[in-house]
Each structure stands twice: as structure tokens, then as C-alpha cells.
N, C-alpha and C. Protein backbone atom coordinates (compact mmCIF):
# COMPACT_ATOMS: atom_id res chain seq x y z
N UNK A 1 0.83 -1.10 0.04
CA UNK A 1 -0.10 0.12 -0.06
C UNK A 1 0.87 1.21 -0.08
N UNK A 2 0.48 2.26 -0.51
CA UNK A 2 1.13 3.50 -0.66
C UNK A 2 0.63 4.27 0.32
N UNK A 3 1.51 5.35 0.75
CA UNK A 3 1.05 6.21 1.84
C UNK A 3 -0.21 7.05 1.49
N UNK A 4 -0.46 7.36 0.27
CA UNK A 4 -1.72 7.94 -0.18
C UNK A 4 -3.00 7.18 0.25
N UNK A 5 -2.85 5.84 -0.13
CA UNK A 5 -4.00 4.97 0.19
C UNK A 5 -4.25 4.80 1.57
N UNK A 6 -3.27 4.64 2.52
CA UNK A 6 -3.37 4.62 3.87
C UNK A 6 -4.09 5.88 4.44
N UNK A 7 -3.67 7.08 4.02
CA UNK A 7 -4.26 8.22 4.45
C UNK A 7 -5.62 8.41 3.97
N UNK A 8 -6.02 7.77 2.75
CA UNK A 8 -7.33 7.80 2.21
C UNK A 8 -8.25 6.90 3.13
N UNK A 9 -7.72 5.71 3.56
CA UNK A 9 -8.54 4.78 4.50
C UNK A 9 -8.63 5.50 5.93
N UNK A 10 -7.60 6.01 6.35
CA UNK A 10 -7.73 6.63 7.66
C UNK A 10 -8.91 7.73 7.62
N UNK A 11 -8.81 8.62 6.59
CA UNK A 11 -9.76 9.69 6.37
C UNK A 11 -11.18 9.04 6.33
N UNK A 12 -11.28 7.96 5.61
CA UNK A 12 -12.65 7.23 5.43
C UNK A 12 -13.23 6.79 6.79
N UNK A 13 -12.30 6.15 7.59
CA UNK A 13 -12.82 5.62 9.04
C UNK A 13 -13.10 6.78 9.81
N UNK A 14 -12.25 7.90 9.81
CA UNK A 14 -12.44 9.01 10.73
C UNK A 14 -13.82 9.66 10.28
N UNK A 15 -14.06 9.74 9.08
CA UNK A 15 -15.47 10.27 8.56
C UNK A 15 -16.65 9.45 9.08
N UNK A 16 -16.48 8.06 9.08
CA UNK A 16 -17.48 7.22 9.49
C UNK A 16 -17.73 7.41 10.97
N UNK A 17 -16.61 7.37 11.79
CA UNK A 17 -16.71 7.61 13.15
C UNK A 17 -17.31 8.97 13.64
N UNK A 18 -16.84 10.12 12.81
CA UNK A 18 -17.53 11.25 13.18
C UNK A 18 -19.05 11.29 12.89
N UNK A 19 -19.59 10.48 11.83
CA UNK A 19 -20.89 10.52 11.56
C UNK A 19 -21.69 9.75 12.67
N UNK A 20 -21.08 8.54 13.22
CA UNK A 20 -21.56 7.79 14.21
C UNK A 20 -21.72 8.66 15.47
N UNK A 21 -20.60 9.32 15.69
CA UNK A 21 -20.54 10.21 16.86
C UNK A 21 -21.60 11.25 16.87
N UNK A 22 -21.92 11.78 15.62
CA UNK A 22 -22.95 12.93 15.48
C UNK A 22 -24.30 12.32 15.82
N UNK A 23 -24.53 11.10 15.25
CA UNK A 23 -25.89 10.41 15.51
C UNK A 23 -26.12 10.16 17.04
N UNK A 24 -24.97 9.76 17.66
CA UNK A 24 -25.14 9.47 19.05
C UNK A 24 -25.33 10.75 19.83
N UNK A 25 -24.70 11.84 19.52
CA UNK A 25 -24.92 13.11 20.14
C UNK A 25 -26.40 13.60 19.89
N UNK A 26 -27.01 13.44 18.75
CA UNK A 26 -28.24 13.72 18.54
C UNK A 26 -29.31 13.05 19.36
N UNK A 27 -29.04 11.71 19.40
CA UNK A 27 -29.86 10.91 20.09
C UNK A 27 -29.91 11.20 21.58
N UNK A 28 -28.76 11.54 22.11
CA UNK A 28 -28.64 11.99 23.69
C UNK A 28 -29.29 13.23 23.81
N UNK A 29 -29.21 14.24 22.77
CA UNK A 29 -29.89 15.55 22.92
C UNK A 29 -31.39 15.29 22.90
N UNK A 30 -31.84 14.47 21.99
CA UNK A 30 -33.38 14.05 22.09
C UNK A 30 -33.79 13.52 23.44
N UNK A 31 -32.97 12.59 23.87
CA UNK A 31 -33.55 12.14 25.29
C UNK A 31 -33.53 13.10 26.32
N UNK A 32 -32.48 13.91 26.40
CA UNK A 32 -32.45 15.12 27.40
C UNK A 32 -33.69 16.08 27.19
N UNK A 33 -33.83 16.37 25.87
CA UNK A 33 -35.15 17.24 25.73
C UNK A 33 -36.42 16.63 26.11
N UNK A 34 -36.50 15.40 25.93
CA UNK A 34 -37.83 14.71 26.19
C UNK A 34 -37.87 14.62 27.85
N UNK A 35 -36.79 14.53 28.43
CA UNK A 35 -36.82 14.43 30.10
C UNK A 35 -37.10 15.87 30.42
N UNK A 36 -36.53 16.78 29.96
CA UNK A 36 -36.91 18.24 30.42
C UNK A 36 -38.29 18.64 30.21
N UNK A 37 -38.76 18.28 29.06
CA UNK A 37 -40.24 18.56 28.70
C UNK A 37 -41.15 17.86 29.62
N UNK A 38 -40.75 16.52 29.95
CA UNK A 38 -41.66 15.69 30.84
C UNK A 38 -41.75 16.39 32.17
N UNK A 39 -40.46 16.66 32.78
CA UNK A 39 -40.40 17.04 34.07
C UNK A 39 -40.80 18.27 34.36
N UNK A 40 -40.70 19.33 33.46
CA UNK A 40 -41.04 20.65 33.56
C UNK A 40 -42.50 20.98 33.14
N UNK A 41 -43.08 20.44 32.05
CA UNK A 41 -44.15 20.73 31.58
C UNK A 41 -45.32 19.87 32.09
N UNK A 42 -45.14 18.68 32.36
CA UNK A 42 -46.16 17.71 32.84
C UNK A 42 -46.70 18.24 34.23
N UNK A 43 -45.89 18.62 35.28
CA UNK A 43 -46.50 18.98 36.60
C UNK A 43 -47.44 20.30 36.27
N UNK A 44 -47.22 21.12 35.47
CA UNK A 44 -48.15 22.29 35.23
C UNK A 44 -49.40 21.76 34.73
N UNK A 45 -49.48 20.85 33.81
CA UNK A 45 -50.74 20.31 33.25
C UNK A 45 -51.29 19.51 34.12
N UNK A 46 -50.62 18.70 35.03
CA UNK A 46 -51.21 17.91 35.99
C UNK A 46 -52.03 18.72 37.18
N UNK A 47 -51.55 19.90 37.59
CA UNK A 47 -52.18 20.79 38.40
C UNK A 47 -53.47 21.15 37.82
N UNK A 48 -53.34 21.72 36.52
CA UNK A 48 -54.58 22.21 35.77
C UNK A 48 -55.76 21.05 35.61
N UNK A 49 -55.18 19.87 35.34
CA UNK A 49 -56.01 18.76 35.02
C UNK A 49 -56.78 18.30 36.40
N UNK A 50 -55.90 18.34 37.40
CA UNK A 50 -56.50 18.08 38.71
C UNK A 50 -57.54 18.96 39.20
N UNK A 51 -57.48 20.26 38.95
CA UNK A 51 -58.44 21.23 39.17
C UNK A 51 -59.72 21.04 38.43
N UNK A 52 -59.50 20.56 37.10
CA UNK A 52 -60.64 20.25 36.28
C UNK A 52 -61.43 19.02 36.85
N UNK A 53 -60.60 18.21 37.34
CA UNK A 53 -61.16 16.92 37.88
C UNK A 53 -62.07 17.30 39.08
N UNK A 54 -61.57 18.08 39.95
CA UNK A 54 -62.29 18.63 41.12
C UNK A 54 -63.59 19.26 40.74
N UNK A 55 -63.55 20.05 39.68
CA UNK A 55 -64.69 20.73 39.27
C UNK A 55 -65.74 19.70 38.76
N UNK A 56 -65.22 18.78 38.09
CA UNK A 56 -66.12 17.65 37.55
C UNK A 56 -66.78 16.91 38.75
N UNK A 57 -66.08 16.76 39.69
CA UNK A 57 -66.58 16.14 40.94
C UNK A 57 -67.66 17.02 41.56
N UNK A 58 -67.66 18.36 41.65
CA UNK A 58 -68.64 19.09 42.09
C UNK A 58 -69.80 19.17 41.08
N UNK A 59 -69.47 19.15 39.90
CA UNK A 59 -70.74 19.03 38.88
C UNK A 59 -71.45 17.71 38.91
N UNK A 60 -70.71 16.67 39.42
CA UNK A 60 -71.26 15.28 39.51
C UNK A 60 -72.40 15.34 40.50
N UNK A 61 -72.30 16.16 41.64
CA UNK A 61 -73.04 16.16 42.82
C UNK A 61 -74.39 16.92 42.32
N UNK A 62 -74.40 17.93 41.69
CA UNK A 62 -75.57 18.66 41.12
C UNK A 62 -75.62 18.53 39.64
N UNK A 63 -75.69 17.23 39.15
CA UNK A 63 -75.40 16.77 37.87
C UNK A 63 -76.46 17.48 36.95
N UNK A 64 -77.79 17.41 37.22
CA UNK A 64 -78.92 17.94 36.44
C UNK A 64 -78.70 19.42 36.08
N UNK A 65 -78.29 20.20 37.08
CA UNK A 65 -78.23 21.67 36.89
C UNK A 65 -76.89 21.96 36.19
N UNK A 66 -76.10 21.13 36.05
CA UNK A 66 -74.75 21.55 35.50
C UNK A 66 -74.27 20.94 34.16
N UNK A 67 -75.20 20.54 33.35
CA UNK A 67 -74.94 19.77 32.11
C UNK A 67 -74.20 20.79 31.15
N UNK A 68 -74.48 22.06 30.99
CA UNK A 68 -73.71 22.97 30.09
C UNK A 68 -72.39 23.17 30.62
N UNK A 69 -72.19 23.32 31.98
CA UNK A 69 -70.83 23.58 32.61
C UNK A 69 -70.03 22.30 32.43
N UNK A 70 -70.74 21.19 32.53
CA UNK A 70 -69.87 19.83 32.40
C UNK A 70 -69.38 19.74 31.04
N UNK A 71 -70.18 20.08 30.07
CA UNK A 71 -69.55 19.94 28.69
C UNK A 71 -68.43 21.01 28.30
N UNK A 72 -68.59 22.09 28.95
CA UNK A 72 -67.40 23.14 28.82
C UNK A 72 -66.20 22.61 29.40
N UNK A 73 -66.38 22.13 30.67
CA UNK A 73 -65.33 21.70 31.51
C UNK A 73 -64.61 20.41 30.89
N UNK A 74 -65.39 19.66 30.09
CA UNK A 74 -64.86 18.48 29.50
C UNK A 74 -64.03 18.82 28.20
N UNK A 75 -64.58 19.89 27.73
CA UNK A 75 -63.89 20.44 26.47
C UNK A 75 -62.53 20.93 26.73
N UNK A 76 -62.43 21.68 27.82
CA UNK A 76 -61.20 22.22 28.43
C UNK A 76 -60.28 20.99 28.74
N UNK A 77 -60.85 20.04 29.42
CA UNK A 77 -60.12 18.87 29.83
C UNK A 77 -59.52 18.16 28.67
N UNK A 78 -60.25 17.93 27.53
CA UNK A 78 -59.75 17.43 26.49
C UNK A 78 -58.62 18.14 25.81
N UNK A 79 -58.56 19.37 25.74
CA UNK A 79 -57.55 20.12 25.24
C UNK A 79 -56.28 19.98 26.15
N UNK A 80 -56.44 19.96 27.41
CA UNK A 80 -55.38 19.82 28.36
C UNK A 80 -54.71 18.40 28.19
N UNK A 81 -55.66 17.36 28.17
CA UNK A 81 -55.16 16.04 27.95
C UNK A 81 -54.42 15.88 26.70
N UNK A 82 -54.82 16.59 25.52
CA UNK A 82 -53.97 16.53 24.28
C UNK A 82 -52.70 17.02 24.53
N UNK A 83 -52.64 18.23 25.27
CA UNK A 83 -51.30 18.84 25.64
C UNK A 83 -50.39 17.81 26.39
N UNK A 84 -50.96 17.28 27.38
CA UNK A 84 -50.20 16.31 28.09
C UNK A 84 -49.79 15.13 27.37
N UNK A 85 -50.54 14.65 26.29
CA UNK A 85 -50.26 13.44 25.49
C UNK A 85 -49.03 13.69 24.61
N UNK A 86 -48.88 15.03 24.36
CA UNK A 86 -47.68 15.26 23.51
C UNK A 86 -46.25 15.22 24.49
N UNK A 87 -46.41 15.32 25.80
CA UNK A 87 -45.34 15.51 26.65
C UNK A 87 -44.84 13.99 27.17
N UNK A 88 -45.77 13.01 27.22
CA UNK A 88 -45.56 11.75 27.77
C UNK A 88 -45.08 10.85 26.89
N UNK A 89 -44.59 9.54 27.27
CA UNK A 89 -44.14 8.62 26.40
C UNK A 89 -45.27 7.69 25.88
N UNK A 90 -45.12 6.86 24.86
CA UNK A 90 -45.98 6.08 24.04
C UNK A 90 -46.80 5.29 25.13
N UNK A 91 -46.40 4.71 26.06
CA UNK A 91 -47.22 3.84 27.07
C UNK A 91 -48.37 4.69 27.71
N UNK A 92 -48.07 5.86 28.11
CA UNK A 92 -49.05 6.71 28.83
C UNK A 92 -49.97 7.36 27.75
N UNK A 93 -49.50 7.44 26.42
CA UNK A 93 -50.31 8.10 25.49
C UNK A 93 -51.59 7.25 25.15
N UNK A 94 -51.45 5.90 25.30
CA UNK A 94 -52.67 5.23 25.03
C UNK A 94 -53.71 5.43 26.36
N UNK A 95 -53.20 5.50 27.41
CA UNK A 95 -54.09 5.81 28.59
C UNK A 95 -54.75 7.08 28.42
N UNK A 96 -54.06 8.08 27.96
CA UNK A 96 -54.73 9.40 27.83
C UNK A 96 -55.67 9.44 26.76
N UNK A 97 -55.26 8.70 25.73
CA UNK A 97 -56.17 8.59 24.56
C UNK A 97 -57.41 7.95 24.93
N UNK A 98 -57.50 6.97 25.90
CA UNK A 98 -58.69 6.31 26.32
C UNK A 98 -59.63 7.40 27.02
N UNK A 99 -59.08 8.23 27.90
CA UNK A 99 -59.87 9.22 28.44
C UNK A 99 -60.35 10.30 27.46
N UNK A 100 -59.50 10.69 26.53
CA UNK A 100 -60.02 11.66 25.44
C UNK A 100 -61.20 10.94 24.80
N UNK A 101 -61.13 9.54 24.42
CA UNK A 101 -62.26 9.02 23.78
C UNK A 101 -63.57 8.98 24.69
N UNK A 102 -63.29 8.82 26.04
CA UNK A 102 -64.52 8.76 26.85
C UNK A 102 -65.10 10.18 26.80
N UNK A 103 -64.27 11.11 27.02
CA UNK A 103 -64.78 12.63 26.81
C UNK A 103 -65.50 12.98 25.50
N UNK A 104 -64.98 12.46 24.27
CA UNK A 104 -65.71 12.73 23.11
C UNK A 104 -66.94 11.95 22.99
N UNK A 105 -67.00 10.77 23.49
CA UNK A 105 -68.24 10.08 23.59
C UNK A 105 -69.33 10.70 24.49
N UNK A 106 -68.89 11.21 25.64
CA UNK A 106 -69.85 11.94 26.63
C UNK A 106 -70.38 13.20 25.79
N UNK A 107 -69.43 13.90 25.27
CA UNK A 107 -70.04 15.12 24.52
C UNK A 107 -70.91 14.79 23.21
N UNK A 108 -70.68 13.68 22.67
CA UNK A 108 -71.42 13.26 21.63
C UNK A 108 -72.82 12.72 21.96
N UNK A 109 -72.96 12.27 23.08
CA UNK A 109 -74.11 11.48 23.61
C UNK A 109 -75.28 12.66 23.71
N UNK A 110 -76.64 12.25 23.32
CA UNK A 110 -77.60 13.26 23.43
C UNK A 110 -78.15 13.42 24.80
N UNK A 111 -78.00 12.35 25.61
CA UNK A 111 -78.56 12.36 26.95
C UNK A 111 -77.47 11.76 27.73
N UNK A 112 -76.42 12.51 28.16
CA UNK A 112 -75.25 11.88 28.90
C UNK A 112 -75.73 11.67 30.29
N UNK A 113 -75.20 10.58 30.87
CA UNK A 113 -75.67 10.06 32.26
C UNK A 113 -74.45 10.27 33.28
N UNK A 114 -74.89 10.35 34.35
CA UNK A 114 -73.90 10.66 35.52
C UNK A 114 -72.92 9.42 35.59
N UNK A 115 -73.27 8.21 35.28
CA UNK A 115 -72.30 7.02 35.30
C UNK A 115 -71.27 7.32 34.31
N UNK A 116 -71.54 7.93 33.18
CA UNK A 116 -70.55 8.03 32.12
C UNK A 116 -69.48 9.05 32.68
N UNK A 117 -70.03 10.26 33.36
CA UNK A 117 -69.04 11.05 33.90
C UNK A 117 -68.21 10.52 35.09
N UNK A 118 -68.92 9.72 35.88
CA UNK A 118 -68.18 8.97 37.00
C UNK A 118 -66.94 8.13 36.32
N UNK A 119 -67.24 7.47 35.13
CA UNK A 119 -66.30 6.59 34.51
C UNK A 119 -65.12 7.47 33.99
N UNK A 120 -65.49 8.63 33.42
CA UNK A 120 -64.48 9.53 32.86
C UNK A 120 -63.52 10.09 34.08
N UNK A 121 -64.13 10.31 35.20
CA UNK A 121 -63.30 10.88 36.42
C UNK A 121 -62.42 9.64 36.89
N UNK A 122 -62.85 8.31 36.87
CA UNK A 122 -62.15 7.44 37.45
C UNK A 122 -60.90 6.98 36.48
N UNK A 123 -61.22 7.07 35.26
CA UNK A 123 -60.03 6.85 34.28
C UNK A 123 -59.19 8.00 34.33
N UNK A 124 -59.55 9.17 34.54
CA UNK A 124 -58.76 10.43 34.57
C UNK A 124 -57.88 10.27 35.90
N UNK A 125 -58.44 9.86 36.90
CA UNK A 125 -57.58 9.70 38.10
C UNK A 125 -56.43 8.72 37.99
N UNK A 126 -56.81 7.62 37.26
CA UNK A 126 -55.72 6.66 36.82
C UNK A 126 -54.57 7.22 36.10
N UNK A 127 -54.97 7.93 35.01
CA UNK A 127 -54.11 8.56 34.19
C UNK A 127 -53.22 9.59 34.96
N UNK A 128 -53.86 10.46 35.87
CA UNK A 128 -52.96 11.31 36.65
C UNK A 128 -52.07 10.60 37.62
N UNK A 129 -52.41 9.50 38.16
CA UNK A 129 -51.48 8.84 39.03
C UNK A 129 -50.25 8.38 38.24
N UNK A 130 -50.61 7.64 37.05
CA UNK A 130 -49.63 7.17 36.19
C UNK A 130 -48.60 8.22 35.70
N UNK A 131 -49.16 9.56 35.26
CA UNK A 131 -48.20 10.53 34.95
C UNK A 131 -47.40 11.03 35.99
N UNK A 132 -47.92 11.17 37.19
CA UNK A 132 -47.30 11.65 38.44
C UNK A 132 -46.14 10.61 38.91
N UNK A 133 -46.46 9.38 38.69
CA UNK A 133 -45.40 8.38 38.99
C UNK A 133 -44.35 8.53 38.10
N UNK A 134 -44.77 8.66 36.78
CA UNK A 134 -43.65 8.72 35.69
C UNK A 134 -42.67 9.92 35.93
N UNK A 135 -43.33 11.00 36.31
CA UNK A 135 -42.44 12.29 36.44
C UNK A 135 -41.70 12.18 37.74
N UNK A 136 -42.04 11.50 38.81
CA UNK A 136 -41.41 11.22 40.00
C UNK A 136 -40.16 10.42 39.60
N UNK A 137 -40.45 9.28 38.96
CA UNK A 137 -39.46 8.34 38.52
C UNK A 137 -38.36 8.96 37.71
N UNK A 138 -38.82 9.77 36.72
CA UNK A 138 -37.80 10.49 35.88
C UNK A 138 -36.78 11.49 36.74
N UNK A 139 -37.47 12.07 37.63
CA UNK A 139 -36.62 13.00 38.48
C UNK A 139 -35.62 12.17 39.41
N UNK A 140 -36.16 11.08 39.84
CA UNK A 140 -35.35 10.30 40.73
C UNK A 140 -34.21 9.53 39.92
N UNK A 141 -34.53 9.17 38.69
CA UNK A 141 -33.46 8.44 37.83
C UNK A 141 -32.41 9.44 37.35
N UNK A 142 -32.89 10.47 36.85
CA UNK A 142 -31.91 11.38 36.17
C UNK A 142 -31.11 12.24 37.25
């Protein structure tokens, strides 16, 4: 081999290594960004969604007088759940999507019942606990 060929091969391997290193750095930056978005944005959304769940609890008590307010609160809840869905990972997205579907079914129903609202609240509480645990776990691990 001539010296030129050796330098050519060294340059080739260095360029491949730098490409791999670039991909690794981008992957780490993506993971870090997802971590910060989850840890910083999710708690804000959880507080808002918990307040909405409390409002739904009050509306459940006086259900017949609160139907328009319930639909408005569920509309806001759906928007906040969609925002939360962007922040969390895939496993929690399915749970959040289930609550969003329940909210949409409730709003499309011509005569929504108290039982449907109670099931929305139960699923919402499960999702809230799941996301709270995930945020706490991420804080402890990182």
C-alpha cells in the first residue's frame, strides 16, 4: 500500500466515526429534551387537570343543573389532555387517549348520564397517578 491509500483509508474511517458520533450526540440531545419537557411541563398540566377533575366532581353532585358547565369543562379537559399527551411517552399516550375518547363519547351523547361522567373521572384519576409516578421516577433516575 502506498502512503496515499493509507491516508485515504484513515480519512474514510474517521469520517464514518464522526458520523456515528454525530448520530449518538443527536440521540442523547433528544433524550435530554424529552426528559426536560416531561419533568417541567407535565407538573403544570397535572395541576390544571386536577383542578378540572375537582370541578367535575362538584358538577357530578348537582348533575342535572350542571350539564352545560360539564360539557365546557370536558372540552377544556380534552385540550389539556391532548397537551399532556404530547409530553409523555408512548405507554401513557394510550391511557390518555382512552380518557379523550370517553370525553368525546360523553360530548356526542344526546342524553349523557352521571355514570359516564363517573367513569371519565375514574379513568382520569388513573391517568393522573400514572403520569405523576412517571414524572417522579424520571426525577429520581436522572
